[in-house]
N, C-alpha and C. Protein backbone atom coordinates (compact mmCIF):
# COMPACT_ATOMS: atom_id res chain seq x y z
N MET A 1 91.57 144.67 82.04
CA MET A 1 90.31 144.00 82.32
C MET A 1 89.76 143.28 81.09
N ILE A 2 89.80 143.96 79.93
CA ILE A 2 89.28 143.34 78.70
C ILE A 2 90.12 142.14 78.31
N ALA A 3 91.46 142.27 78.49
CA ALA A 3 92.35 141.16 78.15
C ALA A 3 92.08 139.96 79.03
N ASP A 4 91.79 140.18 80.32
CA ASP A 4 91.48 139.07 81.22
C ASP A 4 90.17 138.40 80.87
N ALA A 5 89.19 139.18 80.36
CA ALA A 5 87.88 138.61 80.00
C ALA A 5 87.99 137.66 78.82
N PHE A 6 88.90 137.92 77.90
CA PHE A 6 89.04 137.09 76.71
C PHE A 6 90.19 136.08 76.82
N SER A 7 90.79 135.95 77.97
CA SER A 7 91.86 134.98 78.15
C SER A 7 91.29 133.56 78.22
N PRO A 8 92.00 132.56 77.76
CA PRO A 8 91.48 131.18 77.77
C PRO A 8 91.24 130.67 79.18
N VAL A 9 90.18 129.89 79.34
CA VAL A 9 89.80 129.32 80.63
C VAL A 9 90.07 127.83 80.60
N ASN A 10 90.74 127.33 81.61
CA ASN A 10 91.05 125.91 81.70
C ASN A 10 89.85 125.17 82.30
N ILE A 11 89.19 124.32 81.51
CA ILE A 11 88.02 123.58 81.98
C ILE A 11 88.36 122.13 82.31
N LEU A 12 89.62 121.74 82.15
CA LEU A 12 90.03 120.38 82.43
C LEU A 12 90.40 120.24 83.90
N GLU A 13 90.20 119.05 84.41
CA GLU A 13 90.59 118.78 85.79
C GLU A 13 92.11 118.77 85.92
N GLN A 14 92.57 118.91 87.14
CA GLN A 14 94.01 118.92 87.37
C GLN A 14 94.62 117.56 87.01
N GLY A 15 95.66 117.58 86.22
CA GLY A 15 96.31 116.35 85.79
C GLY A 15 95.76 115.79 84.50
N ALA A 16 94.67 116.36 83.98
CA ALA A 16 94.09 115.88 82.73
C ALA A 16 94.92 116.33 81.54
N GLN A 17 94.88 115.55 80.48
CA GLN A 17 95.62 115.87 79.27
C GLN A 17 94.65 116.03 78.11
N MET A 18 94.98 116.88 77.19
CA MET A 18 94.14 117.12 76.02
C MET A 18 94.87 116.64 74.78
N ALA A 19 94.15 115.86 73.96
CA ALA A 19 94.72 115.36 72.71
C ALA A 19 93.77 115.71 71.57
N LYS A 20 94.32 116.05 70.43
CA LYS A 20 93.48 116.39 69.28
C LYS A 20 94.23 116.03 68.00
N GLY A 21 93.45 115.98 66.92
CA GLY A 21 94.05 115.70 65.63
C GLY A 21 94.55 114.27 65.52
N GLU A 22 95.72 114.13 64.92
CA GLU A 22 96.31 112.81 64.66
C GLU A 22 96.57 112.05 65.95
N GLN A 23 97.02 112.74 66.98
CA GLN A 23 97.33 112.07 68.25
C GLN A 23 96.07 111.47 68.87
N SER A 24 94.97 112.22 68.85
CA SER A 24 93.71 111.73 69.40
C SER A 24 93.18 110.54 68.61
N ARG A 25 93.29 110.61 67.29
CA ARG A 25 92.79 109.53 66.44
C ARG A 25 93.56 108.24 66.70
N MET A 26 94.85 108.32 66.75
CA MET A 26 95.66 107.13 66.96
C MET A 26 95.47 106.57 68.37
N SER A 27 95.26 107.44 69.35
CA SER A 27 95.02 106.97 70.70
C SER A 27 93.72 106.18 70.79
N SER A 28 92.69 106.66 70.10
CA SER A 28 91.42 105.94 70.10
C SER A 28 91.55 104.59 69.42
N ILE A 29 92.27 104.55 68.30
CA ILE A 29 92.44 103.28 67.58
C ILE A 29 93.21 102.28 68.44
N CYS A 30 94.25 102.74 69.11
CA CYS A 30 95.04 101.83 69.95
C CYS A 30 94.20 101.27 71.10
N GLY A 31 93.32 102.08 71.68
CA GLY A 31 92.46 101.59 72.75
C GLY A 31 91.50 100.52 72.26
N ALA A 32 90.91 100.73 71.07
CA ALA A 32 90.00 99.73 70.51
C ALA A 32 90.73 98.45 70.15
N LEU A 33 91.95 98.58 69.65
CA LEU A 33 92.73 97.38 69.31
C LEU A 33 93.08 96.58 70.55
N ALA A 34 93.31 97.26 71.66
CA ALA A 34 93.61 96.56 72.91
C ALA A 34 92.43 95.71 73.35
N VAL A 35 91.21 96.24 73.18
CA VAL A 35 90.01 95.48 73.54
C VAL A 35 89.84 94.28 72.60
N ALA A 36 90.06 94.50 71.30
CA ALA A 36 89.93 93.41 70.33
C ALA A 36 90.95 92.31 70.61
N ASP A 37 92.18 92.68 70.93
CA ASP A 37 93.21 91.69 71.23
C ASP A 37 92.90 90.94 72.53
N LEU A 38 92.18 91.61 73.44
CA LEU A 38 91.83 90.97 74.70
C LEU A 38 90.94 89.75 74.49
N VAL A 39 89.96 89.88 73.60
CA VAL A 39 89.00 88.78 73.39
C VAL A 39 89.39 87.87 72.23
N LYS A 40 90.40 88.26 71.47
CA LYS A 40 90.78 87.46 70.29
C LYS A 40 91.21 86.05 70.68
N THR A 41 91.94 85.93 71.79
CA THR A 41 92.46 84.63 72.19
C THR A 41 91.38 83.70 72.74
N SER A 42 90.17 84.22 72.96
CA SER A 42 89.07 83.38 73.43
C SER A 42 88.15 82.95 72.29
N LEU A 43 88.52 83.26 71.05
CA LEU A 43 87.66 82.98 69.90
C LEU A 43 87.91 81.58 69.37
N GLY A 44 86.83 80.89 69.00
CA GLY A 44 86.94 79.60 68.33
C GLY A 44 87.03 78.42 69.26
N PRO A 45 87.05 77.22 68.68
CA PRO A 45 87.09 75.99 69.50
C PRO A 45 88.37 75.84 70.32
N LYS A 46 89.43 76.48 69.90
CA LYS A 46 90.69 76.41 70.65
C LYS A 46 90.92 77.67 71.48
N GLY A 47 89.88 78.46 71.66
CA GLY A 47 90.00 79.68 72.44
C GLY A 47 90.26 79.40 73.92
N MET A 48 90.99 80.27 74.54
CA MET A 48 91.36 80.10 75.95
C MET A 48 90.39 80.85 76.86
N ASP A 49 90.21 80.33 78.05
CA ASP A 49 89.36 80.97 79.04
C ASP A 49 90.09 82.15 79.68
N LYS A 50 89.29 83.10 80.16
CA LYS A 50 89.82 84.26 80.88
C LYS A 50 89.40 84.18 82.35
N ILE A 51 90.30 84.55 83.23
CA ILE A 51 90.00 84.61 84.65
C ILE A 51 89.65 86.06 84.99
N LEU A 52 88.41 86.28 85.43
CA LEU A 52 87.92 87.62 85.74
C LEU A 52 87.78 87.76 87.25
N GLN A 53 88.29 88.84 87.79
CA GLN A 53 88.18 89.13 89.22
C GLN A 53 87.50 90.47 89.40
N SER A 54 86.45 90.49 90.22
CA SER A 54 85.71 91.73 90.44
C SER A 54 86.56 92.72 91.23
N SER A 55 86.23 94.00 91.07
CA SER A 55 87.01 95.05 91.71
C SER A 55 86.48 95.42 93.10
N ASP A 56 85.42 94.74 93.56
CA ASP A 56 84.90 95.06 94.89
C ASP A 56 85.70 94.34 95.96
N ARG A 57 85.30 94.49 97.18
CA ARG A 57 86.03 93.90 98.30
C ARG A 57 85.97 92.37 98.27
N ALA A 58 84.86 91.85 97.78
CA ALA A 58 84.73 90.40 97.76
C ALA A 58 85.76 89.76 96.84
N GLY A 59 86.08 90.43 95.74
CA GLY A 59 87.07 89.90 94.81
C GLY A 59 86.66 88.59 94.18
N ASN A 60 85.36 88.48 93.80
CA ASN A 60 84.87 87.25 93.21
C ASN A 60 85.60 86.93 91.91
N VAL A 61 85.89 85.66 91.71
CA VAL A 61 86.63 85.21 90.53
C VAL A 61 85.73 84.32 89.69
N SER A 62 85.72 84.56 88.38
CA SER A 62 84.96 83.74 87.45
C SER A 62 85.83 83.41 86.25
N VAL A 63 85.57 82.26 85.65
CA VAL A 63 86.33 81.79 84.49
C VAL A 63 85.36 81.65 83.33
N THR A 64 85.65 82.29 82.20
CA THR A 64 84.75 82.25 81.05
C THR A 64 85.53 82.54 79.77
N ASN A 65 84.96 82.10 78.65
CA ASN A 65 85.50 82.47 77.34
C ASN A 65 84.43 83.16 76.50
N ASP A 66 83.35 83.57 77.15
CA ASP A 66 82.27 84.27 76.46
C ASP A 66 82.66 85.73 76.25
N GLY A 67 82.67 86.16 75.00
CA GLY A 67 83.12 87.51 74.68
C GLY A 67 82.27 88.58 75.33
N ALA A 68 80.93 88.39 75.36
CA ALA A 68 80.06 89.39 75.96
C ALA A 68 80.33 89.55 77.45
N THR A 69 80.54 88.43 78.14
CA THR A 69 80.82 88.49 79.57
C THR A 69 82.14 89.19 79.85
N ILE A 70 83.15 88.89 79.03
CA ILE A 70 84.46 89.51 79.23
C ILE A 70 84.38 91.02 79.01
N LEU A 71 83.71 91.44 77.94
CA LEU A 71 83.66 92.87 77.62
C LEU A 71 82.82 93.64 78.62
N LYS A 72 81.78 93.01 79.18
CA LYS A 72 80.99 93.68 80.20
C LYS A 72 81.78 93.91 81.48
N SER A 73 82.80 93.11 81.69
CA SER A 73 83.57 93.19 82.93
C SER A 73 84.75 94.15 82.83
N VAL A 74 85.01 94.69 81.65
CA VAL A 74 86.17 95.55 81.45
C VAL A 74 85.78 97.01 81.68
N LEU A 75 86.57 97.71 82.48
CA LEU A 75 86.36 99.13 82.71
C LEU A 75 87.17 99.93 81.70
N ILE A 76 86.49 100.67 80.83
CA ILE A 76 87.13 101.35 79.71
C ILE A 76 86.78 102.83 79.75
N ASP A 77 87.78 103.69 79.47
CA ASP A 77 87.52 105.12 79.33
C ASP A 77 87.88 105.62 77.93
N ASN A 78 88.34 104.72 77.07
CA ASN A 78 88.68 105.10 75.69
C ASN A 78 87.41 105.13 74.85
N PRO A 79 87.12 106.23 74.15
CA PRO A 79 85.84 106.33 73.41
C PRO A 79 85.68 105.29 72.32
N ALA A 80 86.74 105.01 71.55
CA ALA A 80 86.64 104.02 70.49
C ALA A 80 86.46 102.62 71.06
N ALA A 81 87.12 102.33 72.16
CA ALA A 81 86.95 101.03 72.80
C ALA A 81 85.53 100.86 73.33
N LYS A 82 84.93 101.95 73.83
CA LYS A 82 83.55 101.90 74.29
C LYS A 82 82.60 101.58 73.13
N VAL A 83 82.87 102.16 71.96
CA VAL A 83 82.05 101.86 70.78
C VAL A 83 82.15 100.38 70.42
N LEU A 84 83.36 99.84 70.52
CA LEU A 84 83.56 98.42 70.21
C LEU A 84 82.76 97.54 71.18
N ILE A 85 82.73 97.92 72.44
CA ILE A 85 81.96 97.16 73.43
C ILE A 85 80.46 97.29 73.16
N GLU A 86 80.01 98.47 72.73
CA GLU A 86 78.61 98.66 72.40
C GLU A 86 78.21 97.82 71.20
N ILE A 87 79.12 97.70 70.22
CA ILE A 87 78.85 96.83 69.07
C ILE A 87 78.63 95.39 69.53
N SER A 88 79.45 94.95 70.45
CA SER A 88 79.32 93.59 70.98
C SER A 88 77.99 93.42 71.72
N LYS A 89 77.57 94.44 72.48
CA LYS A 89 76.30 94.35 73.20
C LYS A 89 75.12 94.29 72.24
N VAL A 90 75.17 95.08 71.18
CA VAL A 90 74.09 95.05 70.19
C VAL A 90 74.03 93.68 69.52
N GLN A 91 75.18 93.12 69.19
CA GLN A 91 75.22 91.79 68.59
C GLN A 91 74.61 90.75 69.53
N ASP A 92 74.90 90.88 70.81
CA ASP A 92 74.36 89.93 71.79
C ASP A 92 72.85 90.09 71.93
N ASP A 93 72.36 91.33 71.90
CA ASP A 93 70.92 91.57 72.04
C ASP A 93 70.15 91.15 70.80
N GLU A 94 70.70 91.40 69.61
CA GLU A 94 69.98 91.12 68.38
C GLU A 94 70.09 89.67 67.92
N VAL A 95 71.27 89.08 68.10
CA VAL A 95 71.53 87.74 67.56
C VAL A 95 71.69 86.71 68.68
N GLY A 96 72.34 87.11 69.76
CA GLY A 96 72.58 86.18 70.86
C GLY A 96 73.88 85.42 70.75
N ASP A 97 74.65 85.65 69.70
CA ASP A 97 75.93 84.96 69.52
C ASP A 97 76.80 85.83 68.62
N GLY A 98 78.08 85.48 68.55
CA GLY A 98 78.99 86.21 67.68
C GLY A 98 79.54 87.49 68.28
N THR A 99 79.46 87.64 69.59
CA THR A 99 79.96 88.86 70.23
C THR A 99 81.47 89.00 70.08
N THR A 100 82.18 87.88 70.25
CA THR A 100 83.64 87.93 70.09
C THR A 100 84.03 88.15 68.65
N SER A 101 83.32 87.49 67.73
CA SER A 101 83.65 87.59 66.30
C SER A 101 83.50 89.02 65.80
N VAL A 102 82.39 89.67 66.17
CA VAL A 102 82.16 91.02 65.67
C VAL A 102 83.18 92.00 66.26
N CYS A 103 83.60 91.75 67.48
CA CYS A 103 84.60 92.62 68.11
C CYS A 103 85.97 92.44 67.44
N VAL A 104 86.34 91.20 67.17
CA VAL A 104 87.62 90.94 66.52
C VAL A 104 87.62 91.47 65.08
N LEU A 105 86.50 91.30 64.37
CA LEU A 105 86.41 91.79 63.00
C LEU A 105 86.54 93.30 62.94
N ALA A 106 85.82 94.00 63.83
CA ALA A 106 85.92 95.46 63.87
C ALA A 106 87.34 95.90 64.24
N GLY A 107 87.99 95.15 65.14
CA GLY A 107 89.35 95.48 65.52
C GLY A 107 90.32 95.34 64.35
N GLU A 108 90.13 94.31 63.52
CA GLU A 108 91.01 94.15 62.36
C GLU A 108 90.78 95.23 61.32
N PHE A 109 89.52 95.68 61.18
CA PHE A 109 89.25 96.82 60.29
C PHE A 109 90.01 98.05 60.76
N LEU A 110 89.98 98.27 62.07
CA LEU A 110 90.71 99.42 62.62
C LEU A 110 92.22 99.27 62.45
N ARG A 111 92.70 98.03 62.58
CA ARG A 111 94.14 97.81 62.44
C ARG A 111 94.61 98.15 61.02
N GLN A 112 93.81 97.74 60.02
CA GLN A 112 94.17 98.06 58.64
C GLN A 112 94.01 99.56 58.39
N ALA A 113 92.98 100.16 58.99
CA ALA A 113 92.80 101.60 58.82
C ALA A 113 93.96 102.38 59.43
N GLN A 114 94.48 101.89 60.54
CA GLN A 114 95.61 102.56 61.18
C GLN A 114 96.82 102.59 60.25
N GLU A 115 97.07 101.49 59.57
CA GLU A 115 98.21 101.45 58.65
C GLU A 115 98.02 102.44 57.50
N LEU A 116 96.77 102.53 57.01
CA LEU A 116 96.52 103.45 55.89
C LEU A 116 96.62 104.90 56.34
N ILE A 117 96.13 105.19 57.54
CA ILE A 117 96.20 106.57 58.05
C ILE A 117 97.65 106.97 58.30
N GLU A 118 98.46 106.03 58.76
CA GLU A 118 99.88 106.32 58.97
C GLU A 118 100.59 106.63 57.65
N LYS A 119 100.02 106.15 56.54
CA LYS A 119 100.56 106.46 55.21
C LYS A 119 99.96 107.74 54.64
N LYS A 120 99.33 108.54 55.51
CA LYS A 120 98.78 109.86 55.17
C LYS A 120 97.55 109.75 54.26
N MET A 121 96.81 108.65 54.34
CA MET A 121 95.54 108.56 53.62
C MET A 121 94.44 109.15 54.48
N HIS A 122 93.56 109.91 53.86
CA HIS A 122 92.50 110.58 54.62
C HIS A 122 91.51 109.54 55.18
N PRO A 123 91.04 109.72 56.42
CA PRO A 123 90.10 108.76 57.01
C PRO A 123 88.83 108.57 56.19
N GLN A 124 88.31 109.63 55.56
CA GLN A 124 87.11 109.49 54.75
C GLN A 124 87.36 108.61 53.52
N THR A 125 88.57 108.65 53.01
CA THR A 125 88.92 107.77 51.89
C THR A 125 88.93 106.31 52.34
N VAL A 126 89.43 106.07 53.56
CA VAL A 126 89.43 104.72 54.10
C VAL A 126 88.00 104.22 54.30
N VAL A 127 87.13 105.08 54.82
CA VAL A 127 85.73 104.70 55.04
C VAL A 127 85.05 104.40 53.70
N ALA A 128 85.31 105.22 52.69
CA ALA A 128 84.72 104.97 51.37
C ALA A 128 85.18 103.64 50.80
N GLY A 129 86.44 103.30 51.02
CA GLY A 129 86.94 102.01 50.56
C GLY A 129 86.28 100.84 51.28
N TYR A 130 86.06 100.99 52.58
CA TYR A 130 85.38 99.94 53.34
C TYR A 130 83.94 99.75 52.85
N ARG A 131 83.29 100.83 52.49
CA ARG A 131 81.92 100.72 51.99
C ARG A 131 81.87 100.02 50.63
N LEU A 132 82.84 100.30 49.79
CA LEU A 132 82.92 99.58 48.52
C LEU A 132 83.17 98.09 48.74
N ALA A 133 84.05 97.78 49.70
CA ALA A 133 84.32 96.38 50.02
C ALA A 133 83.08 95.70 50.58
N ARG A 134 82.31 96.42 51.40
CA ARG A 134 81.06 95.86 51.94
C ARG A 134 80.09 95.51 50.83
N ASP A 135 79.91 96.42 49.87
CA ASP A 135 78.99 96.16 48.76
C ASP A 135 79.45 94.96 47.93
N ALA A 136 80.77 94.87 47.68
CA ALA A 136 81.29 93.74 46.91
C ALA A 136 81.11 92.43 47.67
N ALA A 137 81.31 92.46 48.99
CA ALA A 137 81.13 91.24 49.79
C ALA A 137 79.68 90.80 49.81
N MET A 138 78.75 91.75 49.96
CA MET A 138 77.32 91.42 49.95
C MET A 138 76.90 90.83 48.62
N ALA A 139 77.39 91.41 47.51
CA ALA A 139 77.05 90.88 46.19
C ALA A 139 77.60 89.48 46.01
N SER A 140 78.81 89.23 46.51
CA SER A 140 79.41 87.90 46.39
C SER A 140 78.65 86.87 47.22
N LEU A 141 78.21 87.26 48.42
CA LEU A 141 77.44 86.34 49.26
C LEU A 141 76.08 86.03 48.64
N GLU A 142 75.44 87.05 48.07
CA GLU A 142 74.14 86.81 47.42
C GLU A 142 74.29 85.87 46.23
N LYS A 143 75.40 86.00 45.52
CA LYS A 143 75.63 85.15 44.36
C LYS A 143 75.94 83.72 44.77
N ALA A 144 76.66 83.55 45.88
CA ALA A 144 77.05 82.21 46.32
C ALA A 144 75.97 81.52 47.16
N GLY A 145 74.94 82.27 47.57
CA GLY A 145 73.91 81.69 48.43
C GLY A 145 73.10 80.62 47.73
N ILE A 146 72.69 79.61 48.48
CA ILE A 146 71.86 78.51 47.98
C ILE A 146 70.62 78.43 48.85
N ASP A 147 69.45 78.41 48.21
CA ASP A 147 68.18 78.36 48.91
C ASP A 147 67.67 76.92 48.98
N HIS A 148 67.62 76.37 50.19
CA HIS A 148 67.11 75.01 50.41
C HIS A 148 65.75 75.04 51.10
N GLY A 149 65.03 76.16 50.95
CA GLY A 149 63.74 76.28 51.60
C GLY A 149 62.71 75.27 51.13
N ASP A 150 62.83 74.80 49.87
CA ASP A 150 61.86 73.85 49.32
C ASP A 150 62.29 72.40 49.52
N ASP A 151 63.51 72.18 50.01
CA ASP A 151 64.01 70.82 50.25
C ASP A 151 64.16 70.62 51.75
N ALA A 152 63.25 69.87 52.34
CA ALA A 152 63.22 69.73 53.79
C ALA A 152 64.48 69.07 54.33
N GLU A 153 64.98 68.03 53.67
CA GLU A 153 66.16 67.32 54.15
C GLU A 153 67.41 68.20 54.06
N ALA A 154 67.57 68.88 52.93
CA ALA A 154 68.74 69.77 52.78
C ALA A 154 68.66 70.94 53.76
N PHE A 155 67.45 71.45 53.99
CA PHE A 155 67.28 72.55 54.93
C PHE A 155 67.63 72.11 56.34
N ARG A 156 67.23 70.90 56.71
CA ARG A 156 67.55 70.39 58.04
C ARG A 156 69.06 70.18 58.18
N ALA A 157 69.70 69.67 57.11
CA ALA A 157 71.15 69.47 57.16
C ALA A 157 71.89 70.79 57.32
N ASP A 158 71.39 71.85 56.67
CA ASP A 158 72.01 73.16 56.83
C ASP A 158 71.88 73.66 58.26
N LEU A 159 70.71 73.48 58.85
CA LEU A 159 70.51 73.92 60.24
C LEU A 159 71.41 73.15 61.20
N ILE A 160 71.57 71.85 60.96
CA ILE A 160 72.43 71.04 61.82
C ILE A 160 73.88 71.51 61.72
N ASN A 161 74.34 71.81 60.51
CA ASN A 161 75.71 72.30 60.34
C ASN A 161 75.90 73.65 61.03
N ILE A 162 74.90 74.51 60.95
CA ILE A 162 74.98 75.81 61.64
C ILE A 162 75.06 75.60 63.14
N ALA A 163 74.22 74.69 63.66
CA ALA A 163 74.22 74.43 65.10
C ALA A 163 75.56 73.84 65.55
N LYS A 164 76.13 72.94 64.75
CA LYS A 164 77.43 72.36 65.09
C LYS A 164 78.51 73.43 65.15
N THR A 165 78.47 74.35 64.19
CA THR A 165 79.46 75.43 64.18
C THR A 165 79.34 76.30 65.43
N THR A 166 78.11 76.59 65.83
CA THR A 166 77.89 77.41 67.01
C THR A 166 78.36 76.71 68.28
N LEU A 167 78.14 75.39 68.34
CA LEU A 167 78.50 74.62 69.54
C LEU A 167 79.97 74.27 69.60
N SER A 168 80.72 74.53 68.53
CA SER A 168 82.12 74.12 68.50
C SER A 168 82.96 74.83 69.55
N SER A 169 82.56 76.04 69.93
CA SER A 169 83.34 76.81 70.90
C SER A 169 82.71 76.80 72.29
N LYS A 170 81.72 75.94 72.50
CA LYS A 170 81.03 75.88 73.78
C LYS A 170 81.50 74.68 74.58
N VAL A 171 80.99 74.59 75.82
CA VAL A 171 81.34 73.48 76.69
C VAL A 171 80.85 72.16 76.11
N LEU A 172 79.79 72.21 75.32
CA LEU A 172 79.18 71.00 74.76
C LEU A 172 79.82 70.57 73.45
N SER A 173 80.99 71.08 73.13
CA SER A 173 81.59 70.83 71.81
C SER A 173 81.83 69.35 71.54
N GLN A 174 82.13 68.57 72.58
CA GLN A 174 82.40 67.14 72.36
C GLN A 174 81.14 66.37 71.99
N ASP A 175 79.98 66.87 72.38
CA ASP A 175 78.71 66.22 72.06
C ASP A 175 77.87 67.11 71.15
N LYS A 176 78.53 67.86 70.27
CA LYS A 176 77.79 68.83 69.46
C LYS A 176 76.83 68.17 68.48
N GLU A 177 77.15 66.93 68.01
CA GLU A 177 76.23 66.26 67.08
C GLU A 177 74.89 65.99 67.74
N LEU A 178 74.93 65.49 68.97
CA LEU A 178 73.71 65.17 69.69
C LEU A 178 72.89 66.43 69.99
N PHE A 179 73.56 67.45 70.52
CA PHE A 179 72.83 68.66 70.90
C PHE A 179 72.39 69.45 69.67
N ALA A 180 73.11 69.35 68.57
CA ALA A 180 72.67 70.00 67.34
C ALA A 180 71.37 69.36 66.84
N GLU A 181 71.29 68.03 66.91
CA GLU A 181 70.06 67.33 66.52
C GLU A 181 68.90 67.74 67.41
N ILE A 182 69.15 67.83 68.70
CA ILE A 182 68.08 68.21 69.64
C ILE A 182 67.59 69.62 69.36
N ALA A 183 68.53 70.55 69.16
CA ALA A 183 68.15 71.94 68.93
C ALA A 183 67.37 72.11 67.62
N VAL A 184 67.86 71.46 66.55
CA VAL A 184 67.19 71.59 65.25
C VAL A 184 65.81 70.95 65.29
N SER A 185 65.69 69.80 65.92
CA SER A 185 64.38 69.13 66.03
C SER A 185 63.39 70.01 66.80
N ALA A 186 63.87 70.65 67.86
CA ALA A 186 62.99 71.52 68.64
C ALA A 186 62.54 72.73 67.82
N VAL A 187 63.46 73.33 67.08
CA VAL A 187 63.11 74.51 66.28
C VAL A 187 62.14 74.14 65.17
N LEU A 188 62.40 73.04 64.47
CA LEU A 188 61.51 72.64 63.37
C LEU A 188 60.14 72.23 63.87
N SER A 189 60.08 71.54 64.99
CA SER A 189 58.78 71.15 65.53
C SER A 189 57.98 72.37 65.97
N GLN A 190 58.67 73.39 66.50
CA GLN A 190 57.99 74.62 66.89
C GLN A 190 57.45 75.34 65.67
N GLY A 191 58.23 75.34 64.58
CA GLY A 191 57.76 75.98 63.36
C GLY A 191 56.57 75.26 62.76
N GLN A 192 56.56 73.93 62.80
CA GLN A 192 55.42 73.17 62.29
C GLN A 192 54.19 73.39 63.14
N HIS A 193 54.40 73.54 64.46
CA HIS A 193 53.27 73.76 65.36
C HIS A 193 52.62 75.11 65.10
N GLN A 194 53.44 76.12 64.82
CA GLN A 194 52.89 77.45 64.57
C GLN A 194 52.20 77.52 63.22
N SER A 195 52.69 76.77 62.22
CA SER A 195 52.08 76.81 60.90
C SER A 195 50.84 75.94 60.80
N ARG A 196 50.65 75.00 61.75
CA ARG A 196 49.49 74.11 61.72
C ARG A 196 48.25 74.87 62.15
N PRO A 197 47.11 74.82 61.38
CA PRO A 197 45.90 75.55 61.77
C PRO A 197 45.30 74.99 63.04
N ASP A 198 44.69 75.87 63.81
CA ASP A 198 44.06 75.49 65.07
C ASP A 198 42.69 74.91 64.79
N PRO A 199 42.43 73.62 65.10
CA PRO A 199 41.12 73.02 64.79
C PRO A 199 39.99 73.68 65.57
N ASP A 200 40.24 74.09 66.81
CA ASP A 200 39.20 74.76 67.58
C ASP A 200 38.81 76.08 66.92
N HIS A 201 39.84 76.80 66.41
CA HIS A 201 39.57 78.08 65.75
C HIS A 201 38.77 77.87 64.47
N GLN A 202 39.12 76.78 63.71
CA GLN A 202 38.39 76.49 62.48
C GLN A 202 36.94 76.12 62.78
N ALA A 203 36.73 75.33 63.83
CA ALA A 203 35.38 74.91 64.18
C ALA A 203 34.53 76.11 64.59
N SER A 204 35.11 77.02 65.38
CA SER A 204 34.36 78.21 65.78
C SER A 204 34.03 79.08 64.58
N GLY A 205 34.95 79.09 63.59
CA GLY A 205 34.68 79.86 62.38
C GLY A 205 33.54 79.27 61.60
N ARG A 206 33.46 77.94 61.51
CA ARG A 206 32.37 77.31 60.77
C ARG A 206 31.04 77.52 61.47
N HIS A 207 31.06 77.47 62.81
CA HIS A 207 29.83 77.74 63.55
C HIS A 207 29.34 79.16 63.28
N ALA A 208 30.30 80.10 63.23
CA ALA A 208 29.91 81.49 63.01
C ALA A 208 29.29 81.68 61.64
N GLN A 209 29.77 80.90 60.64
CA GLN A 209 29.25 81.03 59.29
C GLN A 209 27.98 80.23 59.07
N GLY A 210 27.58 79.43 60.05
CA GLY A 210 26.40 78.63 59.91
C GLY A 210 26.62 77.37 59.10
N LEU A 211 27.88 76.97 58.89
CA LEU A 211 28.16 75.78 58.11
C LEU A 211 28.02 74.52 58.95
N VAL A 212 28.15 74.65 60.28
CA VAL A 212 28.03 73.50 61.16
C VAL A 212 26.86 73.74 62.09
N PRO A 213 25.94 72.83 62.21
CA PRO A 213 24.79 73.05 63.07
C PRO A 213 25.18 73.03 64.53
């Protein structure tokens, strides 16, 4: 009776497999790499579109090269791949662009980490090395950065170049110069409108102070 009470209990479903240690780690990395490779071919101005078909009875088909749309449509049970998809969702919510880029970048980090782990390097050592590389990259970017905040023409040119880069992988890529000008003009005019003082508010303030009869 006592031996039966302390015997191991199987909590896994029938047909389920248990992985731990090195096998579990490599399985997670391979799943994340599969997701990164899935969206890699849709990156950039020469990226290819993906044909997505829903799993319901309707079987709706859509064609897109948007990384966020592709990743939202993928059914994943790999934990590391789910983290990669969550990274893409956060990028989409916070920035609104770069979902494919951040997924591919994280996938390449994992690919290099896989090679180091296969050489018997401890995962914490790999993480420490990535953090050192991050600090060095941030310092290099800060050193190379140029501030054009005081030069209106140079600042506008920088915004136009950023807009062109963003539009290079979109449907509007052939007319990116025109739409970049439109977008930058709209953003700058909105900024000037917000920084311009409200004359009605100023007048009410003067009335309150008794400066205007």
